[in-house]
C-alpha cells in the first residue's frame, strides 16, 4: 500500500486487525526509522530525518491522475 503523509511517500505493508475506529497503527520500529516530529494539538506529523530525506520525501511531486486517499487523523491506541 502507498502511505502518503504530507510530502512523505512510501510503500508499506500492514497487518490486518480490527481496532474499532483505528484505521492504521504505526509501530515503534517505523517511528524509530522515520523519526517524525508530532504536533499533538494539530495532530500533524512532519518528517525531517536523514532516512526520510533519502528514501521517502518527495517535494512538489504529486502523482497525476491519482485519487486522493482517505484522510486519516492521528490518535493514540490504549494498550
N, C-alpha and C. Protein backbone atom coordinates (compact mmCIF):
# COMPACT_ATOMS: atom_id res chain seq x y z
N UNK A 1 0.85 -1.16 0.00
CA UNK A 1 0.00 0.00 0.00
C UNK A 1 0.90 1.23 0.00
N UNK A 2 0.48 2.27 -0.71
CA UNK A 2 1.22 3.53 -0.71
C UNK A 2 0.74 4.38 0.46
N UNK A 3 1.63 4.70 1.37
CA UNK A 3 1.34 5.56 2.51
C UNK A 3 1.78 6.97 2.16
N UNK A 4 0.86 7.93 2.23
CA UNK A 4 1.18 9.32 1.96
C UNK A 4 0.79 10.16 3.17
N UNK A 5 1.76 10.86 3.72
CA UNK A 5 1.52 11.79 4.83
C UNK A 5 2.25 13.07 4.45
N UNK A 6 1.52 14.09 4.03
CA UNK A 6 2.16 15.32 3.55
C UNK A 6 3.02 15.01 2.35
N UNK A 7 4.31 15.37 2.39
CA UNK A 7 5.21 15.08 1.27
C UNK A 7 5.96 13.76 1.46
N UNK A 8 5.61 13.01 2.47
CA UNK A 8 6.21 11.70 2.76
C UNK A 8 5.47 10.64 1.94
N UNK A 9 6.22 9.82 1.19
CA UNK A 9 5.65 8.75 0.39
C UNK A 9 6.47 7.48 0.60
N UNK A 10 5.79 6.37 0.83
CA UNK A 10 6.49 5.09 0.89
C UNK A 10 5.50 3.95 0.69
N UNK A 11 6.01 2.87 0.14
CA UNK A 11 5.21 1.65 0.02
C UNK A 11 5.43 0.87 1.31
N UNK A 12 4.32 0.47 1.94
CA UNK A 12 4.39 -0.16 3.26
C UNK A 12 3.38 -1.30 3.33
N UNK A 13 3.69 -2.32 4.11
CA UNK A 13 2.77 -3.43 4.35
C UNK A 13 2.17 -3.27 5.73
N UNK A 14 0.90 -3.59 5.85
CA UNK A 14 0.20 -3.52 7.13
C UNK A 14 -0.33 -4.89 7.50
N UNK A 15 -0.36 -5.19 8.78
CA UNK A 15 -1.08 -6.35 9.29
C UNK A 15 -2.52 -5.94 9.47
N UNK A 16 -3.44 -6.84 9.16
CA UNK A 16 -4.86 -6.53 9.24
C UNK A 16 -5.39 -6.96 10.60
N UNK A 17 -6.13 -6.05 11.25
CA UNK A 17 -6.75 -6.34 12.53
C UNK A 17 -7.98 -5.46 12.68
N UNK A 18 -8.80 -5.73 13.66
CA UNK A 18 -9.96 -4.89 13.92
C UNK A 18 -9.72 -4.14 15.23
N UNK A 19 -9.54 -2.83 15.12
CA UNK A 19 -9.32 -1.99 16.29
C UNK A 19 -10.34 -0.85 16.31
N UNK A 20 -11.58 -1.18 16.26
CA UNK A 20 -12.71 -0.23 16.26
C UNK A 20 -12.48 0.90 15.27
N UNK A 21 -12.20 2.10 15.73
CA UNK A 21 -12.08 3.27 14.85
C UNK A 21 -10.65 3.59 14.46
N UNK A 22 -9.70 2.70 14.71
CA UNK A 22 -8.29 2.95 14.41
C UNK A 22 -7.95 2.38 13.04
N UNK A 23 -7.74 3.24 12.02
CA UNK A 23 -7.52 2.73 10.67
C UNK A 23 -6.15 2.10 10.47
N UNK A 24 -5.09 2.64 11.10
CA UNK A 24 -3.75 2.06 10.99
C UNK A 24 -3.00 2.25 12.30
N UNK A 25 -1.99 1.40 12.49
CA UNK A 25 -1.09 1.53 13.64
C UNK A 25 0.33 1.56 13.09
N UNK A 26 1.07 2.60 13.42
CA UNK A 26 2.48 2.70 13.04
C UNK A 26 3.30 2.27 14.24
N UNK A 27 4.06 1.20 14.10
CA UNK A 27 4.80 0.62 15.22
C UNK A 27 6.06 1.38 15.58
N UNK A 28 6.67 0.97 16.69
CA UNK A 28 7.87 1.64 17.18
C UNK A 28 9.03 1.54 16.19
N UNK A 29 9.17 0.41 15.50
CA UNK A 29 10.27 0.30 14.53
C UNK A 29 10.10 1.31 13.40
N UNK A 30 8.87 1.53 12.95
CA UNK A 30 8.60 2.53 11.91
C UNK A 30 8.90 3.93 12.45
N UNK A 31 8.43 4.22 13.66
CA UNK A 31 8.66 5.53 14.28
C UNK A 31 10.15 5.77 14.51
N UNK A 32 10.89 4.75 14.95
CA UNK A 32 12.34 4.89 15.14
C UNK A 32 13.05 5.19 13.82
N UNK A 33 12.67 4.48 12.76
CA UNK A 33 13.31 4.64 11.46
C UNK A 33 13.06 6.02 10.87
N UNK A 34 11.82 6.49 10.94
CA UNK A 34 11.43 7.75 10.29
C UNK A 34 11.56 8.96 11.19
N UNK A 35 11.54 8.75 12.49
CA UNK A 35 11.72 9.80 13.49
C UNK A 35 10.93 11.07 13.19
N UNK A 36 9.59 10.94 13.05
CA UNK A 36 8.79 12.13 12.74
C UNK A 36 8.64 13.04 13.96
N UNK A 37 8.38 14.31 13.69
CA UNK A 37 8.01 15.25 14.74
C UNK A 37 6.49 15.30 14.76
N UNK A 38 5.93 15.34 15.95
CA UNK A 38 4.47 15.31 16.09
C UNK A 38 3.99 16.57 16.79
N UNK A 39 3.08 17.28 16.13
CA UNK A 39 2.40 18.42 16.75
C UNK A 39 1.07 17.87 17.26
N UNK A 40 1.01 17.60 18.55
CA UNK A 40 -0.17 16.93 19.12
C UNK A 40 -1.45 17.72 18.90
N UNK A 41 -1.41 19.02 19.15
CA UNK A 41 -2.65 19.81 19.06
C UNK A 41 -3.21 19.79 17.64
N UNK A 42 -2.33 19.92 16.66
CA UNK A 42 -2.77 19.91 15.26
C UNK A 42 -2.91 18.49 14.72
N UNK A 43 -2.42 17.50 15.49
CA UNK A 43 -2.43 16.10 15.06
C UNK A 43 -1.75 15.97 13.70
N UNK A 44 -0.52 16.47 13.64
CA UNK A 44 0.21 16.57 12.39
C UNK A 44 1.63 16.01 12.54
N UNK A 45 2.04 15.16 11.61
CA UNK A 45 3.39 14.63 11.56
C UNK A 45 4.21 15.39 10.53
N UNK A 46 5.48 15.67 10.85
CA UNK A 46 6.41 16.21 9.87
C UNK A 46 7.66 15.34 9.89
N UNK A 47 8.31 15.24 8.74
CA UNK A 47 9.43 14.33 8.57
C UNK A 47 10.67 15.10 8.21
N UNK A 48 11.72 14.99 9.05
CA UNK A 48 12.96 15.71 8.80
C UNK A 48 14.20 14.85 8.97
N UNK A 49 14.01 13.54 9.13
CA UNK A 49 15.18 12.67 9.36
C UNK A 49 15.98 12.48 8.08
N UNK A 50 17.25 12.12 8.24
CA UNK A 50 18.09 11.85 7.06
C UNK A 50 17.56 10.62 6.31
N UNK A 51 16.99 9.66 7.02
CA UNK A 51 16.40 8.48 6.36
C UNK A 51 15.28 8.92 5.41
N UNK A 52 14.39 9.76 5.91
CA UNK A 52 13.27 10.21 5.07
C UNK A 52 13.75 11.07 3.91
N UNK A 53 14.75 11.90 4.14
CA UNK A 53 15.29 12.75 3.07
C UNK A 53 15.82 11.88 1.92
N UNK A 54 16.39 10.73 2.24
CA UNK A 54 16.96 9.86 1.21
C UNK A 54 15.95 8.89 0.61
N UNK A 55 14.92 8.49 1.38
CA UNK A 55 14.05 7.41 0.94
C UNK A 55 12.58 7.77 0.74
N UNK A 56 12.08 8.80 1.40
CA UNK A 56 10.63 8.97 1.46
C UNK A 56 10.10 10.32 0.99
N UNK A 57 10.88 11.37 1.11
CA UNK A 57 10.36 12.71 0.88
C UNK A 57 10.34 13.03 -0.61
N UNK A 58 9.17 13.49 -1.06
CA UNK A 58 9.02 13.96 -2.44
C UNK A 58 8.51 15.38 -2.38
N UNK A 59 9.34 16.32 -2.75
CA UNK A 59 8.96 17.73 -2.67
C UNK A 59 8.35 18.16 -3.99
N UNK A 60 7.09 18.61 -3.93
CA UNK A 60 6.42 19.15 -5.11
C UNK A 60 6.13 18.13 -6.19
N UNK A 61 6.07 16.86 -5.86
CA UNK A 61 5.79 15.84 -6.87
C UNK A 61 4.51 15.12 -6.51
N UNK A 62 3.41 15.57 -7.05
CA UNK A 62 2.13 14.89 -6.86
C UNK A 62 1.90 13.97 -8.04
N UNK A 63 1.39 12.80 -7.80
CA UNK A 63 1.11 11.87 -8.88
C UNK A 63 -0.15 12.30 -9.59
N UNK A 64 -0.03 12.55 -10.89
CA UNK A 64 -1.18 12.98 -11.67
C UNK A 64 -2.14 11.82 -11.85
N UNK A 65 -3.44 12.15 -11.83
CA UNK A 65 -4.46 11.15 -12.06
C UNK A 65 -4.71 10.24 -10.88
N UNK A 66 -4.02 10.43 -9.79
CA UNK A 66 -4.21 9.59 -8.61
C UNK A 66 -5.30 10.20 -7.74
N UNK A 67 -6.26 9.38 -7.36
CA UNK A 67 -7.31 9.86 -6.47
C UNK A 67 -6.75 10.14 -5.10
N UNK A 68 -7.34 11.11 -4.43
CA UNK A 68 -6.94 11.37 -3.06
C UNK A 68 -7.42 10.22 -2.19
N UNK A 69 -6.57 9.78 -1.29
CA UNK A 69 -6.92 8.69 -0.39
C UNK A 69 -7.76 9.18 0.77
N UNK A 70 -8.10 8.26 1.62
CA UNK A 70 -8.88 8.58 2.81
C UNK A 70 -8.05 9.45 3.74
N UNK A 71 -8.66 10.48 4.30
CA UNK A 71 -7.99 11.35 5.25
C UNK A 71 -7.94 10.64 6.60
N UNK A 72 -6.74 10.47 7.15
CA UNK A 72 -6.59 9.82 8.44
C UNK A 72 -6.21 10.84 9.49
N UNK A 73 -6.72 10.67 10.68
CA UNK A 73 -6.42 11.57 11.78
C UNK A 73 -5.59 10.83 12.81
N UNK A 74 -4.61 11.51 13.37
CA UNK A 74 -3.73 10.89 14.36
C UNK A 74 -4.43 10.74 15.70
N UNK A 75 -4.17 9.66 16.34
CA UNK A 75 -4.71 9.44 17.67
C UNK A 75 -3.85 8.41 18.38
N UNK A 76 -4.22 8.08 19.59
CA UNK A 76 -3.47 7.10 20.36
C UNK A 76 -4.33 5.87 20.57
N UNK A 77 -3.68 4.71 20.61
CA UNK A 77 -4.35 3.46 20.92
C UNK A 77 -3.93 3.07 22.32
N UNK A 78 -4.90 2.83 23.18
CA UNK A 78 -4.61 2.41 24.55
C UNK A 78 -4.19 0.95 24.55
N UNK A 79 -3.13 0.63 25.26
CA UNK A 79 -2.66 -0.76 25.33
C UNK A 79 -3.34 -1.49 26.47
